[in-house]
Amino acid sequence: MIGGDLHTRNVEKAVDKLSTIIPLFLASTRFYDKGLDLYSNKLFAYVDKSQSKLKVVFIKNVPQQDPSSNDCGLYACRLAKHISNGVFDMGLIYIDAKYHHKSYATIM
């Protein structure tokens, strides 16, 4: 589990950096001055809604695509599907790229 702990720390460091960089970027590009109401609790449709913070969940054992493939979109779609179904440990998930390409092509 040592590798997992190291991975978690690396992810946390990256998120910490982004949590500083993104607001600075938005402020420097005057995003906040564009007259957008960014506070949903003030919008009529959201007055009675919960304003709780997002829950952060770390996904474990995410399947990786073959380095020579261009299947990142396929892997992102499959990951989103599993997350939306509450599966956060991908250790037992196998992604057969050829099968899923045919499946999505059939749907489209």
PDB file of N, CA and C in Angstrom:
ATOM      1  N   MET A   1       0.819  -1.204   0.000  1.00  0.00           N
ATOM      2  CA  MET A   1       0.000   0.000   0.000  1.00  0.00           C
ATOM      3  C   MET A   1       0.852   1.252   0.000  1.00  0.00           C
ATOM      4  N   ILE A   2       2.154   1.091   0.109  1.00  0.00           N
ATOM      5  CA  ILE A   2       3.042   2.252   0.137  1.00  0.00           C
ATOM      6  C   ILE A   2       2.913   3.051  -1.145  1.00  0.00           C
ATOM      7  N   GLY A   3       2.859   2.355  -2.300  1.00  0.00           N
ATOM      8  CA  GLY A   3       2.718   3.045  -3.580  1.00  0.00           C
ATOM      9  C   GLY A   3       1.431   3.842  -3.655  1.00  0.00           C
ATOM     10  N   GLY A   4       0.346   3.277  -3.088  1.00  0.00           N
ATOM     11  CA  GLY A   4      -0.936   3.972  -3.089  1.00  0.00           C
ATOM     12  C   GLY A   4      -0.896   5.243  -2.263  1.00  0.00           C
ATOM     13  N   ASP A   5      -0.214   5.173  -1.116  1.00  0.00           N
ATOM     14  CA  ASP A   5      -0.089   6.353  -0.265  1.00  0.00           C
ATOM     15  C   ASP A   5       0.710   7.447  -0.968  1.00  0.00           C
ATOM     16  N   LEU A   6       1.764   7.049  -1.665  1.00  0.00           N
ATOM     17  CA  LEU A   6       2.565   8.005  -2.416  1.00  0.00           C
ATOM     18  C   LEU A   6       1.731   8.636  -3.521  1.00  0.00           C
ATOM     19  N   HIS A   7       0.941   7.815  -4.206  1.00  0.00           N
ATOM     20  CA  HIS A   7       0.071   8.324  -5.271  1.00  0.00           C
ATOM     21  C   HIS A   7      -0.939   9.316  -4.701  1.00  0.00           C
ATOM     22  N   THR A   8      -1.528   8.988  -3.567  1.00  0.00           N
ATOM     23  CA  THR A   8      -2.505   9.876  -2.932  1.00  0.00           C
ATOM     24  C   THR A   8      -1.865  11.204  -2.566  1.00  0.00           C
ATOM     25  N   ARG A   9      -0.653  11.168  -2.011  1.00  0.00           N
ATOM     26  CA  ARG A   9       0.040  12.410  -1.656  1.00  0.00           C
ATOM     27  C   ARG A   9       0.340  13.236  -2.900  1.00  0.00           C
ATOM     28  N   ASN A  10       0.744  12.582  -3.986  1.00  0.00           N
ATOM     29  CA  ASN A  10       1.021  13.307  -5.234  1.00  0.00           C
ATOM     30  C   ASN A  10      -0.237  13.962  -5.779  1.00  0.00           C
ATOM     31  N   VAL A  11      -1.351  13.257  -5.714  1.00  0.00           N
ATOM     32  CA  VAL A  11      -2.620  13.820  -6.184  1.00  0.00           C
ATOM     33  C   VAL A  11      -3.014  15.008  -5.313  1.00  0.00           C
ATOM     34  N   GLU A  12      -2.877  14.856  -4.005  1.00  0.00           N
ATOM     35  CA  GLU A  12      -3.219  15.950  -3.095  1.00  0.00           C
ATOM     36  C   GLU A  12      -2.354  17.180  -3.358  1.00  0.00           C
ATOM     37  N   LYS A  13      -1.056  16.985  -3.623  1.00  0.00           N
ATOM     38  CA  LYS A  13      -0.172  18.106  -3.933  1.00  0.00           C
ATOM     39  C   LYS A  13      -0.618  18.804  -5.213  1.00  0.00           C
ATOM     40  N   ALA A  14      -0.981  18.010  -6.237  1.00  0.00           N
ATOM     41  CA  ALA A  14      -1.427  18.588  -7.508  1.00  0.00           C
ATOM     42  C   ALA A  14      -2.720  19.373  -7.315  1.00  0.00           C
ATOM     43  N   VAL A  15      -3.646  18.828  -6.536  1.00  0.00           N
ATOM     44  CA  VAL A  15      -4.916  19.513  -6.283  1.00  0.00           C
ATOM     45  C   VAL A  15      -4.673  20.799  -5.500  1.00  0.00           C
ATOM     46  N   ASP A  16      -3.773  20.765  -4.527  1.00  0.00           N
ATOM     47  CA  ASP A  16      -3.446  21.971  -3.761  1.00  0.00           C
ATOM     48  C   ASP A  16      -2.906  23.070  -4.671  1.00  0.00           C
ATOM     49  N   LYS A  17      -2.021  22.697  -5.594  1.00  0.00           N
ATOM     50  CA  LYS A  17      -1.471  23.686  -6.531  1.00  0.00           C
ATOM     51  C   LYS A  17      -2.575  24.270  -7.399  1.00  0.00           C
ATOM     52  N   LEU A  18      -3.449  23.400  -7.916  1.00  0.00           N
ATOM     53  CA  LEU A  18      -4.535  23.875  -8.773  1.00  0.00           C
ATOM     54  C   LEU A  18      -5.516  24.755  -8.007  1.00  0.00           C
ATOM     55  N   SER A  19      -5.725  24.450  -6.737  1.00  0.00           N
ATOM     56  CA  SER A  19      -6.665  25.247  -5.952  1.00  0.00           C
ATOM     57  C   SER A  19      -6.140  26.660  -5.715  1.00  0.00           C
ATOM     58  N   THR A  20      -4.867  26.867  -5.931  1.00  0.00           N
ATOM     59  CA  THR A  20      -4.288  28.207  -5.855  1.00  0.00           C
ATOM     60  C   THR A  20      -4.220  28.852  -7.238  1.00  0.00           C
ATOM     61  N   ILE A  21      -3.779  28.089  -8.225  1.00  0.00           N
ATOM     62  CA  ILE A  21      -3.571  28.629  -9.566  1.00  0.00           C
ATOM     63  C   ILE A  21      -4.877  29.031 -10.245  1.00  0.00           C
ATOM     64  N   ILE A  22      -5.897  28.193 -10.154  1.00  0.00           N
ATOM     65  CA  ILE A  22      -7.141  28.470 -10.880  1.00  0.00           C
ATOM     66  C   ILE A  22      -7.804  29.767 -10.408  1.00  0.00           C
ATOM     67  N   PRO A  23      -7.989  29.990  -9.089  1.00  0.00           N
ATOM     68  CA  PRO A  23      -8.573  31.268  -8.677  1.00  0.00           C
ATOM     69  C   PRO A  23      -7.731  32.478  -9.082  1.00  0.00           C
ATOM     70  N   LEU A  24      -6.390  32.337  -9.028  1.00  0.00           N
ATOM     71  CA  LEU A  24      -5.530  33.438  -9.468  1.00  0.00           C
ATOM     72  C   LEU A  24      -5.719  33.730 -10.950  1.00  0.00           C
ATOM     73  N   PHE A  25      -5.802  32.670 -11.752  1.00  0.00           N
ATOM     74  CA  PHE A  25      -6.030  32.841 -13.187  1.00  0.00           C
ATOM     75  C   PHE A  25      -7.371  33.531 -13.439  1.00  0.00           C
ATOM     76  N   LEU A  26      -8.419  33.058 -12.767  1.00  0.00           N
ATOM     77  CA  LEU A  26      -9.741  33.650 -12.970  1.00  0.00           C
ATOM     78  C   LEU A  26      -9.762  35.115 -12.555  1.00  0.00           C
ATOM     79  N   ALA A  27      -9.075  35.452 -11.475  1.00  0.00           N
ATOM     80  CA  ALA A  27      -9.010  36.850 -11.040  1.00  0.00           C
ATOM     81  C   ALA A  27      -8.217  37.685 -12.031  1.00  0.00           C
ATOM     82  N   SER A  28      -7.095  37.155 -12.530  1.00  0.00           N
ATOM     83  CA  SER A  28      -6.254  37.933 -13.451  1.00  0.00           C
ATOM     84  C   SER A  28      -6.913  38.150 -14.807  1.00  0.00           C
ATOM     85  N   THR A  29      -7.827  37.272 -15.190  1.00  0.00           N
ATOM     86  CA  THR A  29      -8.549  37.450 -16.463  1.00  0.00           C
ATOM     87  C   THR A  29      -9.878  38.171 -16.254  1.00  0.00           C
ATOM     88  N   ARG A  30     -10.077  38.677 -15.035  1.00  0.00           N
ATOM     89  CA  ARG A  30     -11.289  39.424 -14.673  1.00  0.00           C
ATOM     90  C   ARG A  30     -12.576  38.617 -14.876  1.00  0.00           C
ATOM     91  N   PHE A  31     -12.462  37.318 -14.704  1.00  0.00           N
ATOM     92  CA  PHE A  31     -13.631  36.447 -14.823  1.00  0.00           C
ATOM     93  C   PHE A  31     -14.713  36.846 -13.823  1.00  0.00           C
ATOM     94  N   TYR A  32     -14.295  37.181 -12.624  1.00  0.00           N
ATOM     95  CA  TYR A  32     -15.251  37.512 -11.569  1.00  0.00           C
ATOM     96  C   TYR A  32     -15.922  38.870 -11.788  1.00  0.00           C
ATOM     97  N   ASP A  33     -15.386  39.690 -12.685  1.00  0.00           N
ATOM     98  CA  ASP A  33     -15.952  41.009 -12.955  1.00  0.00           C
ATOM     99  C   ASP A  33     -16.975  41.004 -14.079  1.00  0.00           C
ATOM    100  N   LYS A  34     -17.262  39.861 -14.644  1.00  0.00           N
ATOM    101  CA  LYS A  34     -18.118  39.790 -15.829  1.00  0.00           C
ATOM    102  C   LYS A  34     -19.614  39.832 -15.506  1.00  0.00           C
ATOM    103  N   GLY A  35     -19.947  40.075 -14.271  1.00  0.00           N
ATOM    104  CA  GLY A  35     -21.353  40.230 -13.908  1.00  0.00           C
ATOM    105  C   GLY A  35     -22.098  38.921 -13.732  1.00  0.00           C
ATOM    106  N   LEU A  36     -21.389  37.816 -13.637  1.00  0.00           N
ATOM    107  CA  LEU A  36     -22.039  36.531 -13.433  1.00  0.00           C
ATOM    108  C   LEU A  36     -22.340  36.348 -11.958  1.00  0.00           C
ATOM    109  N   ASP A  37     -23.511  35.849 -11.658  1.00  0.00           N
ATOM    110  CA  ASP A  37     -23.816  35.550 -10.263  1.00  0.00           C
ATOM    111  C   ASP A  37     -23.306  34.150  -9.973  1.00  0.00           C
ATOM    112  N   LEU A  38     -22.149  34.070  -9.355  1.00  0.00           N
ATOM    113  CA  LEU A  38     -21.516  32.792  -9.096  1.00  0.00           C
ATOM    114  C   LEU A  38     -22.020  32.140  -7.810  1.00  0.00           C
ATOM    115  N   TYR A  39     -22.865  32.816  -7.104  1.00  0.00           N
ATOM    116  CA  TYR A  39     -23.335  32.301  -5.832  1.00  0.00           C
ATOM    117  C   TYR A  39     -24.745  31.758  -5.994  1.00  0.00           C
ATOM    118  N   SER A  40     -24.837  30.437  -6.185  1.00  0.00           N
ATOM    119  CA  SER A  40     -26.121  29.814  -6.482  1.00  0.00           C
ATOM    120  C   SER A  40     -27.127  29.984  -5.351  1.00  0.00           C
ATOM    121  N   ASN A  41     -26.651  30.200  -4.125  1.00  0.00           N
ATOM    122  CA  ASN A  41     -27.594  30.359  -3.023  1.00  0.00           C
ATOM    123  C   ASN A  41     -28.407  31.646  -3.140  1.00  0.00           C
ATOM    124  N   LYS A  42     -28.005  32.569  -4.024  1.00  0.00           N
ATOM    125  CA  LYS A  42     -28.760  33.796  -4.226  1.00  0.00           C
ATOM    126  C   LYS A  42     -29.748  33.686  -5.388  1.00  0.00           C
ATOM    127  N   LEU A  43     -29.631  32.637  -6.197  1.00  0.00           N
ATOM    128  CA  LEU A  43     -30.546  32.440  -7.315  1.00  0.00           C
ATOM    129  C   LEU A  43     -31.837  31.825  -6.799  1.00  0.00           C
ATOM    130  N   PHE A  44     -32.967  32.310  -7.290  1.00  0.00           N
ATOM    131  CA  PHE A  44     -34.267  31.869  -6.808  1.00  0.00           C
ATOM    132  C   PHE A  44     -34.414  30.349  -6.853  1.00  0.00           C
ATOM    133  N   ALA A  45     -33.971  29.727  -7.952  1.00  0.00           N
ATOM    134  CA  ALA A  45     -34.142  28.282  -8.120  1.00  0.00           C
ATOM    135  C   ALA A  45     -33.344  27.470  -7.108  1.00  0.00           C
ATOM    136  N   TYR A  46     -32.351  28.075  -6.456  1.00  0.00           N
ATOM    137  CA  TYR A  46     -31.482  27.337  -5.559  1.00  0.00           C
ATOM    138  C   TYR A  46     -31.610  27.740  -4.092  1.00  0.00           C
ATOM    139  N   VAL A  47     -32.547  28.617  -3.776  1.00  0.00           N
ATOM    140  CA  VAL A  47     -32.666  29.135  -2.413  1.00  0.00           C
ATOM    141  C   VAL A  47     -32.879  28.019  -1.392  1.00  0.00           C
ATOM    142  N   ASP A  48     -33.714  27.033  -1.709  1.00  0.00           N
ATOM    143  CA  ASP A  48     -34.011  25.977  -0.743  1.00  0.00           C
ATOM    144  C   ASP A  48     -33.115  24.749  -0.896  1.00  0.00           C
ATOM    145  N   LYS A  49     -32.103  24.811  -1.723  1.00  0.00           N
ATOM    146  CA  LYS A  49     -31.215  23.675  -1.966  1.00  0.00           C
ATOM    147  C   LYS A  49     -30.053  23.681  -0.984  1.00  0.00           C
ATOM    148  N   SER A  50     -29.487  22.519  -0.784  1.00  0.00           N
ATOM    149  CA  SER A  50     -28.329  22.383   0.096  1.00  0.00           C
ATOM    150  C   SER A  50     -27.122  23.077  -0.513  1.00  0.00           C
ATOM    151  N   GLN A  51     -26.341  23.731   0.311  1.00  0.00           N
ATOM    152  CA  GLN A  51     -25.133  24.410  -0.153  1.00  0.00           C
ATOM    153  C   GLN A  51     -23.892  23.713   0.391  1.00  0.00           C
ATOM    154  N   SER A  52     -23.984  22.404   0.610  1.00  0.00           N
ATOM    155  CA  SER A  52     -22.844  21.676   1.159  1.00  0.00           C
ATOM    156  C   SER A  52     -21.719  21.594   0.135  1.00  0.00           C
ATOM    157  N   LYS A  53     -20.521  21.402   0.636  1.00  0.00           N
ATOM    158  CA  LYS A  53     -19.358  21.302  -0.237  1.00  0.00           C
ATOM    159  C   LYS A  53     -19.343  19.950  -0.934  1.00  0.00           C
ATOM    160  N   LEU A  54     -18.653  19.903  -2.052  1.00  0.00           N
ATOM    161  CA  LEU A  54     -18.513  18.652  -2.775  1.00  0.00           C
ATOM    162  C   LEU A  54     -17.703  17.648  -1.972  1.00  0.00           C
ATOM    163  N   LYS A  55     -18.043  16.400  -2.109  1.00  0.00           N
ATOM    164  CA  LYS A  55     -17.310  15.338  -1.445  1.00  0.00           C
ATOM    165  C   LYS A  55     -16.201  14.866  -2.390  1.00  0.00           C
ATOM    166  N   VAL A  56     -14.996  14.771  -1.893  1.00  0.00           N
ATOM    167  CA  VAL A  56     -13.867  14.306  -2.692  1.00  0.00           C
ATOM    168  C   VAL A  56     -13.705  12.818  -2.472  1.00  0.00           C
ATOM    169  N   VAL A  57     -13.675  12.061  -3.565  1.00  0.00           N
ATOM    170  CA  VAL A  57     -13.510  10.618  -3.500  1.00  0.00           C
ATOM    171  C   VAL A  57     -12.324  10.245  -4.380  1.00  0.00           C
ATOM    172  N   PHE A  58     -11.404   9.464  -3.840  1.00  0.00           N
ATOM    173  CA  PHE A  58     -10.268   8.999  -4.623  1.00  0.00           C
ATOM    174  C   PHE A  58     -10.629   7.664  -5.271  1.00  0.00           C
ATOM    175  N   ILE A  59     -10.431   7.588  -6.559  1.00  0.00           N
ATOM    176  CA  ILE A  59     -10.718   6.371  -7.308  1.00  0.00           C
ATOM    177  C   ILE A  59      -9.481   5.479  -7.243  1.00  0.00           C
ATOM    178  N   LYS A  60      -9.694   4.197  -6.975  1.00  0.00           N
ATOM    179  CA  LYS A  60      -8.572   3.264  -6.835  1.00  0.00           C
ATOM    180  C   LYS A  60      -8.469   2.356  -8.058  1.00  0.00           C
ATOM    181  N   ASN A  61      -7.252   2.004  -8.410  1.00  0.00           N
ATOM    182  CA  ASN A  61      -6.974   1.003  -9.441  1.00  0.00           C
ATOM    183  C   ASN A  61      -7.631   1.325 -10.782  1.00  0.00           C
ATOM    184  N   VAL A  62      -7.486   2.544 -11.239  1.00  0.00           N
ATOM    185  CA  VAL A  62      -8.089   2.955 -12.502  1.00  0.00           C
ATOM    186  C   VAL A  62      -7.391   2.243 -13.658  1.00  0.00           C
ATOM    187  N   PRO A  63      -8.156   1.565 -14.540  1.00  0.00           N
ATOM    188  CA  PRO A  63      -7.536   0.896 -15.684  1.00  0.00           C
ATOM    189  C   PRO A  63      -6.823   1.905 -16.582  1.00  0.00           C
ATOM    190  N   GLN A  64      -5.696   1.486 -17.126  1.00  0.00           N
ATOM    191  CA  GLN A  64      -4.912   2.361 -17.996  1.00  0.00           C
ATOM    192  C   GLN A  64      -4.986   1.859 -19.432  1.00  0.00           C
ATOM    193  N   GLN A  65      -5.054   2.789 -20.342  1.00  0.00           N
ATOM    194  CA  GLN A  65      -5.057   2.415 -21.753  1.00  0.00           C
ATOM    195  C   GLN A  65      -3.652   2.037 -22.201  1.00  0.00           C
ATOM    196  N   ASP A  66      -3.567   1.313 -23.291  1.00  0.00           N
ATOM    197  CA  ASP A  66      -2.284   0.964 -23.879  1.00  0.00           C
ATOM    198  C   ASP A  66      -1.594   2.254 -24.310  1.00  0.00           C
ATOM    199  N   PRO A  67      -0.317   2.438 -23.995  1.00  0.00           N
ATOM    200  CA  PRO A  67       0.380   3.684 -24.328  1.00  0.00           C
ATOM    201  C   PRO A  67       0.354   4.044 -25.820  1.00  0.00           C
ATOM    202  N   SER A  68       0.207   3.043 -26.684  1.00  0.00           N
ATOM    203  CA  SER A  68       0.207   3.329 -28.117  1.00  0.00           C
ATOM    204  C   SER A  68      -1.198   3.565 -28.666  1.00  0.00           C
ATOM    205  N   SER A  69      -2.218   3.553 -27.813  1.00  0.00           N
ATOM    206  CA  SER A  69      -3.598   3.720 -28.301  1.00  0.00           C
ATOM    207  C   SER A  69      -4.085   5.156 -28.116  1.00  0.00           C
ATOM    208  N   ASN A  70      -5.173   5.450 -28.760  1.00  0.00           N
ATOM    209  CA  ASN A  70      -5.821   6.756 -28.624  1.00  0.00           C
ATOM    210  C   ASN A  70      -7.210   6.576 -28.015  1.00  0.00           C
ATOM    211  N   ASP A  71      -7.290   5.757 -26.995  1.00  0.00           N
ATOM    212  CA  ASP A  71      -8.572   5.410 -26.404  1.00  0.00           C
ATOM    213  C   ASP A  71      -8.910   6.207 -25.152  1.00  0.00           C
ATOM    214  N   CYS A  72      -8.288   7.377 -24.961  1.00  0.00           N
ATOM    215  CA  CYS A  72      -8.516   8.105 -23.710  1.00  0.00           C
ATOM    216  C   CYS A  72      -9.989   8.484 -23.535  1.00  0.00           C
ATOM    217  N   GLY A  73     -10.667   8.837 -24.610  1.00  0.00           N
ATOM    218  CA  GLY A  73     -12.090   9.176 -24.518  1.00  0.00           C
ATOM    219  C   GLY A  73     -12.921   7.994 -24.077  1.00  0.00           C
ATOM    220  N   LEU A  74     -12.607   6.841 -24.619  1.00  0.00           N
ATOM    221  CA  LEU A  74     -13.304   5.610 -24.255  1.00  0.00           C
ATOM    222  C   LEU A  74     -13.098   5.305 -22.776  1.00  0.00           C
ATOM    223  N   TYR A  75     -11.867   5.410 -22.308  1.00  0.00           N
ATOM    224  CA  TYR A  75     -11.577   5.149 -20.901  1.00  0.00           C
ATOM    225  C   TYR A  75     -12.262   6.181 -20.009  1.00  0.00           C
ATOM    226  N   ALA A  76     -12.300   7.417 -20.426  1.00  0.00           N
ATOM    227  CA  ALA A  76     -12.980   8.455 -19.636  1.00  0.00           C
ATOM    228  C   ALA A  76     -14.477   8.166 -19.546  1.00  0.00           C
ATOM    229  N   CYS A  77     -15.077   7.737 -20.643  1.00  0.00           N
ATOM    230  CA  CYS A  77     -16.513   7.402 -20.648  1.00  0.00           C
ATOM    231  C   CYS A  77     -16.807   6.226 -19.727  1.00  0.00           C
ATOM    232  N   ARG A  78     -15.979   5.191 -19.801  1.00  0.00           N
ATOM    233  CA  ARG A  78     -16.185   4.016 -18.953  1.00  0.00           C
ATOM    234  C   ARG A  78     -15.994   4.374 -17.481  1.00  0.00           C
ATOM    235  N   LEU A  79     -14.976   5.179 -17.188  1.00  0.00           N
ATOM    236  CA  LEU A  79     -14.741   5.605 -15.814  1.00  0.00           C
ATOM    237  C   LEU A  79     -15.941   6.397 -15.297  1.00  0.00           C
ATOM    238  N   ALA A  80     -16.450   7.328 -16.105  1.00  0.00           N
ATOM    239  CA  ALA A  80     -17.618   8.123 -15.700  1.00  0.00           C
ATOM    240  C   ALA A  80     -18.830   7.229 -15.447  1.00  0.00           C
ATOM    241  N   LYS A  81     -19.012   6.212 -16.295  1.00  0.00           N
ATOM    242  CA  LYS A  81     -20.149   5.305 -16.105  1.00  0.00           C
ATOM    243  C   LYS A  81     -20.033   4.561 -14.778  1.00  0.00           C
ATOM    244  N   HIS A  82     -18.846   4.044 -14.470  1.00  0.00           N
ATOM    245  CA  HIS A  82     -18.676   3.310 -13.218  1.00  0.00           C
ATOM    246  C   HIS A  82     -18.834   4.226 -12.005  1.00  0.00           C
ATOM    247  N   ILE A  83     -18.276   5.428 -12.075  1.00  0.00           N
ATOM    248  CA  ILE A  83     -18.405   6.368 -10.959  1.00  0.00           C
ATOM    249  C   ILE A  83     -19.868   6.733 -10.736  1.00  0.00           C
ATOM    250  N   SER A  84     -20.605   6.966 -11.824  1.00  0.00           N
ATOM    251  CA  SER A  84     -22.022   7.332 -11.680  1.00  0.00           C
ATOM    252  C   SER A  84     -22.838   6.190 -11.084  1.00  0.00           C
ATOM    253  N   ASN A  85     -22.317   4.956 -11.169  1.00  0.00           N
ATOM    254  CA  ASN A  85     -22.982   3.805 -10.557  1.00  0.00           C
ATOM    255  C   ASN A  85     -22.418   3.470  -9.178  1.00  0.00           C
ATOM    256  N   GLY A  86     -21.558   4.356  -8.651  1.00  0.00           N
ATOM    257  CA  GLY A  86     -21.048   4.192  -7.299  1.00  0.00           C
ATOM    258  C   GLY A  86     -19.871   3.244  -7.167  1.00  0.00           C
ATOM    259  N   VAL A  87     -19.221   2.903  -8.285  1.00  0.00           N
ATOM    260  CA  VAL A  87     -18.053   2.011  -8.238  1.00  0.00           C
ATOM    261  C   VAL A  87     -16.800   2.877  -8.174  1.00  0.00           C
ATOM    262  N   PHE A  88     -16.109   2.853  -7.033  1.00  0.00           N
ATOM    263  CA  PHE A  88     -14.930   3.684  -6.851  1.00  0.00           C
ATOM    264  C   PHE A  88     -13.640   2.871  -6.759  1.00  0.00           C
ATOM    265  N   ASP A  89     -13.732   1.559  -6.783  1.00  0.00           N
ATOM    266  CA  ASP A  89     -12.545   0.710  -6.836  1.00  0.00           C
ATOM    267  C   ASP A  89     -12.603  -0.055  -8.151  1.00  0.00           C
ATOM    268  N   MET A  90     -11.734   0.313  -9.060  1.00  0.00           N
ATOM    269  CA  MET A  90     -11.774  -0.251 -10.405  1.00  0.00           C
ATOM    270  C   MET A  90     -10.896  -1.496 -10.536  1.00  0.00           C
ATOM    271  N   GLY A  91     -10.460  -2.065  -9.422  1.00  0.00           N
ATOM    272  CA  GLY A  91      -9.548  -3.204  -9.440  1.00  0.00           C
ATOM    273  C   GLY A  91     -10.063  -4.388 -10.226  1.00  0.00           C
ATOM    274  N   LEU A  92     -11.356  -4.611 -10.239  1.00  0.00           N
ATOM    275  CA  LEU A  92     -11.919  -5.766 -10.941  1.00  0.00           C
ATOM    276  C   LEU A  92     -12.501  -5.401 -12.304  1.00  0.00           C
ATOM    277  N   ILE A  93     -12.327  -4.173 -12.726  1.00  0.00           N
ATOM    278  CA  ILE A  93     -12.894  -3.714 -13.998  1.00  0.00           C
ATOM    279  C   ILE A  93     -11.881  -3.931 -15.118  1.00  0.00           C
ATOM    280  N   TYR A  94     -12.320  -4.604 -16.166  1.00  0.00           N
ATOM    281  CA  TYR A  94     -11.493  -4.781 -17.355  1.00  0.00           C
ATOM    282  C   TYR A  94     -12.184  -4.052 -18.499  1.00  0.00           C
ATOM    283  N   ILE A  95     -11.459  -3.226 -19.204  1.00  0.00           N
ATOM    284  CA  ILE A  95     -12.033  -2.480 -20.325  1.00  0.00           C
ATOM    285  C   ILE A  95     -11.520  -3.087 -21.620  1.00  0.00           C
ATOM    286  N   ASP A  96     -12.423  -3.731 -22.338  1.00  0.00           N
ATOM    287  CA  ASP A  96     -12.109  -4.291 -23.654  1.00  0.00           C
ATOM    288  C   ASP A  96     -12.405  -3.207 -24.682  1.00  0.00           C
ATOM    289  N   ALA A  97     -11.347  -2.508 -25.107  1.00  0.00           N
ATOM    290  CA  ALA A  97     -11.512  -1.343 -25.976  1.00  0.00           C
ATOM    291  C   ALA A  97     -12.258  -1.682 -27.270  1.00  0.00           C
ATOM    292  N   LYS A  98     -11.934  -2.794 -27.908  1.00  0.00           N
ATOM    293  CA  LYS A  98     -12.596  -3.158 -29.171  1.00  0.00           C
ATOM    294  C   LYS A  98     -14.088  -3.355 -28.962  1.00  0.00           C
ATOM    295  N   TYR A  99     -14.446  -4.065 -27.886  1.00  0.00           N
ATOM    296  CA  TYR A  99     -15.863  -4.295 -27.593  1.00  0.00           C
ATOM    297  C   TYR A  99     -16.601  -2.976 -27.347  1.00  0.00           C
ATOM    298  N   HIS A 100     -16.006  -2.107 -26.533  1.00  0.00           N
ATOM    299  CA  HIS A 100     -16.683  -0.859 -26.199  1.00  0.00           C
ATOM    300  C   HIS A 100     -16.737   0.102 -27.383  1.00  0.00           C
ATOM    301  N   HIS A 101     -15.735   0.071 -28.259  1.00  0.00           N
ATOM    302  CA  HIS A 101     -15.808   0.873 -29.485  1.00  0.00           C
ATOM    303  C   HIS A 101     -17.017   0.442 -30.306  1.00  0.00           C
ATOM    304  N   LYS A 102     -17.206  -0.868 -30.459  1.00  0.00           N
ATOM    305  CA  LYS A 102     -18.352  -1.374 -31.232  1.00  0.00           C
ATOM    306  C   LYS A 102     -19.661  -1.028 -30.531  1.00  0.00           C
ATOM    307  N   SER A 103     -19.656  -1.138 -29.212  1.00  0.00           N
ATOM    308  CA  SER A 103     -20.866  -0.829 -28.441  1.00  0.00           C
ATOM    309  C   SER A 103     -21.281   0.625 -28.629  1.00  0.00           C
ATOM    310  N   TYR A 104     -20.322   1.556 -28.492  1.00  0.00           N
ATOM    311  CA  TYR A 104     -20.639   2.975 -28.650  1.00  0.00           C
ATOM    312  C   TYR A 104     -20.986   3.313 -30.096  1.00  0.00           C
ATOM    313  N   ALA A 105     -20.339   2.669 -31.039  1.00  0.00           N
ATOM    314  CA  ALA A 105     -20.671   2.894 -32.458  1.00  0.00           C
ATOM    315  C   ALA A 105     -22.095   2.454 -32.751  1.00  0.00           C
ATOM    316  N   THR A 106     -22.528   1.364 -32.142  1.00  0.00           N
ATOM    317  CA  THR A 106     -23.891   0.875 -32.336  1.00  0.00           C
ATOM    318  C   THR A 106     -24.904   1.856 -31.753  1.00  0.00           C
ATOM    319  N   ILE A 107     -24.583   2.406 -30.593  1.00  0.00           N
ATOM    320  CA  ILE A 107     -25.486   3.369 -29.952  1.00  0.00           C
ATOM    321  C   ILE A 107     -25.638   4.630 -30.798  1.00  0.00           C
ATOM    322  N   MET A 108     -24.518   5.050 -31.397  1.00  0.00           N
ATOM    323  CA  MET A 108     -24.546   6.288 -32.170  1.00  0.00           C
ATOM    324  C   MET A 108     -25.218   6.042 -33.492  1.00  0.00           C
TER     325      MET A 108
END
